[in-house]
Amino acid sequence: QVQLVESGGGLVQAGGSLRLSCVASGVIHSITAYGWFRQGPGKQRDLVATVLTDGRLNYADSVKGRFTISRDNAIVYLQMNSLKREDTAVYYCYARGMSTRGNVAYWGQGTQVTISS
């Protein structure tokens, strides 16, 4: 099992910045990818960014050039700059682990990010 705990959400004005953190614990050697997803009001949960353990990065088009995902061992960060109102959402940390049954998805509890005009 892997546990993920996010922090760093809050209320910020449009154009501002926030940094989210996610600390992974448990069977972290099984993790092959980390990421951030978000779910806005009345919307589905969408991918924001991922980082594989080999270093490859992937971003949603809507955040390219504004958000940066990084990893320091078992801590994953999401630096969010030039925030827009449409970035308002609950942000979830994600990890993909490998088990004898295949890939396993782990999720954090979510952290609220609210952008005001």
Protein backbone atom coordinates (compact mmCIF):
# COMPACT_ATOMS: atom_id res chain seq x y z
CA GLN A 1 0.00 0.00 0.00
CA VAL A 2 1.00 3.59 -0.67
CA GLN A 3 -0.28 6.62 1.19
CA LEU A 4 -0.29 10.10 -0.34
CA VAL A 5 -0.73 13.30 1.64
CA GLU A 6 -1.12 16.63 -0.14
CA SER A 7 -0.58 20.12 1.20
CA GLY A 8 -0.24 23.64 -0.10
CA GLY A 9 -3.68 24.47 -1.39
CA GLY A 10 -5.45 27.71 -0.61
CA LEU A 11 -6.94 30.91 -1.92
CA VAL A 12 -4.92 33.13 -4.22
CA GLN A 13 -5.66 35.95 -6.62
CA ALA A 14 -5.54 35.46 -10.35
CA GLY A 15 -2.00 35.83 -11.61
CA GLY A 16 -0.55 34.53 -8.37
CA SER A 17 1.33 31.34 -7.55
CA LEU A 18 0.96 28.31 -5.34
CA ARG A 19 3.06 25.24 -4.74
CA LEU A 20 1.44 21.94 -3.90
CA SER A 21 3.34 19.14 -2.20
CA CYS A 22 2.57 15.46 -1.93
CA VAL A 23 4.42 13.10 0.37
CA ALA A 24 4.30 9.41 -0.45
CA SER A 25 4.85 6.71 2.14
CA GLY A 26 4.49 2.97 2.32
CA VAL A 27 5.61 0.69 -0.50
CA ILE A 28 7.09 3.55 -2.51
CA HIS A 29 9.60 1.37 -4.33
CA SER A 30 6.68 0.01 -6.33
CA ILE A 31 5.75 3.42 -7.73
CA THR A 32 6.45 4.00 -11.43
CA ALA A 33 4.72 7.35 -11.87
CA TYR A 34 3.48 10.29 -9.86
CA GLY A 35 1.06 12.93 -10.93
CA TRP A 36 -1.49 15.59 -10.18
CA PHE A 37 -5.10 15.58 -11.26
CA ARG A 38 -7.80 18.13 -10.58
CA GLN A 39 -11.55 18.22 -10.40
CA GLY A 40 -13.37 21.49 -10.80
CA PRO A 41 -16.96 22.13 -9.68
CA GLY A 42 -19.29 19.97 -11.72
CA LYS A 43 -16.45 18.56 -13.80
CA GLN A 44 -14.68 15.25 -14.14
CA ARG A 45 -11.25 14.60 -12.69
CA ASP A 46 -8.62 15.53 -15.28
CA LEU A 47 -4.90 15.03 -15.56
CA VAL A 48 -2.75 18.07 -14.83
CA ALA A 49 0.78 16.68 -14.97
CA THR A 50 2.72 13.48 -14.49
CA VAL A 51 6.33 12.55 -13.85
CA LEU A 52 7.59 9.05 -14.42
CA THR A 53 10.33 7.58 -12.28
CA ASP A 54 12.58 7.72 -15.36
CA GLY A 55 12.11 11.48 -15.40
CA ARG A 56 9.72 11.86 -18.32
CA LEU A 57 7.16 14.64 -17.87
CA ASN A 58 3.72 15.19 -19.28
CA TYR A 59 1.40 18.20 -18.95
CA ALA A 60 -2.14 19.02 -19.89
CA ASP A 61 -2.24 21.63 -22.64
CA SER A 62 -4.12 24.01 -20.36
CA VAL A 63 -1.23 24.26 -17.90
CA LYS A 64 1.82 24.04 -20.17
CA GLY A 65 4.18 26.93 -19.54
CA ARG A 66 2.49 27.79 -16.23
CA PHE A 67 2.75 24.66 -14.08
CA THR A 68 5.84 22.61 -13.28
CA ILE A 69 5.85 19.15 -11.76
CA SER A 70 8.94 17.90 -9.97
CA ARG A 71 9.95 15.09 -7.68
CA ASP A 72 12.45 14.73 -4.88
CA ASN A 73 12.48 11.08 -3.90
CA ALA A 74 9.05 10.45 -2.39
CA ILE A 75 7.86 14.06 -2.48
CA VAL A 76 6.13 15.43 -5.55
CA TYR A 77 5.60 19.12 -6.15
CA LEU A 78 3.37 21.11 -8.42
CA GLN A 79 4.49 24.69 -8.89
CA MET A 80 1.60 26.70 -10.27
CA ASN A 81 2.25 30.16 -11.69
CA SER A 82 0.07 32.68 -13.53
CA LEU A 83 -2.99 31.12 -11.97
CA LYS A 84 -6.36 31.64 -13.60
CA ARG A 85 -9.88 31.38 -12.24
CA GLU A 86 -10.38 28.24 -14.30
CA ASP A 87 -7.60 26.58 -12.29
CA THR A 88 -9.96 26.49 -9.32
CA ALA A 89 -10.40 22.85 -8.36
CA VAL A 90 -9.61 20.16 -5.87
CA TYR A 91 -6.14 18.90 -6.71
CA TYR A 92 -5.35 15.24 -6.13
CA CYS A 93 -1.97 13.62 -5.90
CA TYR A 94 -1.69 10.36 -7.80
CA ALA A 95 0.77 7.49 -7.84
CA ARG A 96 0.89 4.43 -10.04
CA GLY A 97 2.33 1.38 -8.41
CA MET A 98 3.15 -2.07 -9.66
CA SER A 99 1.90 -5.20 -7.97
CA THR A 100 1.61 -8.87 -8.84
CA ARG A 101 -1.88 -8.04 -10.13
CA GLY A 102 -0.69 -5.24 -12.40
CA ASN A 103 -0.83 -1.48 -12.04
CA VAL A 104 -2.45 0.00 -8.96
CA ALA A 105 -3.64 3.61 -8.65
CA TYR A 106 -3.25 5.48 -5.40
CA TRP A 107 -4.86 8.82 -4.58
CA GLY A 108 -4.43 11.47 -1.96
CA GLN A 109 -7.34 13.07 -0.17
CA GLY A 110 -7.22 16.22 -2.28
CA THR A 111 -6.42 19.85 -1.56
CA GLN A 112 -8.60 22.80 -2.55
CA VAL A 113 -7.17 25.50 -4.78
CA THR A 114 -9.34 28.57 -5.27
CA ILE A 115 -8.41 31.43 -7.58
CA SER A 116 -10.17 34.73 -7.10
CA SER A 117 -10.44 37.54 -9.59
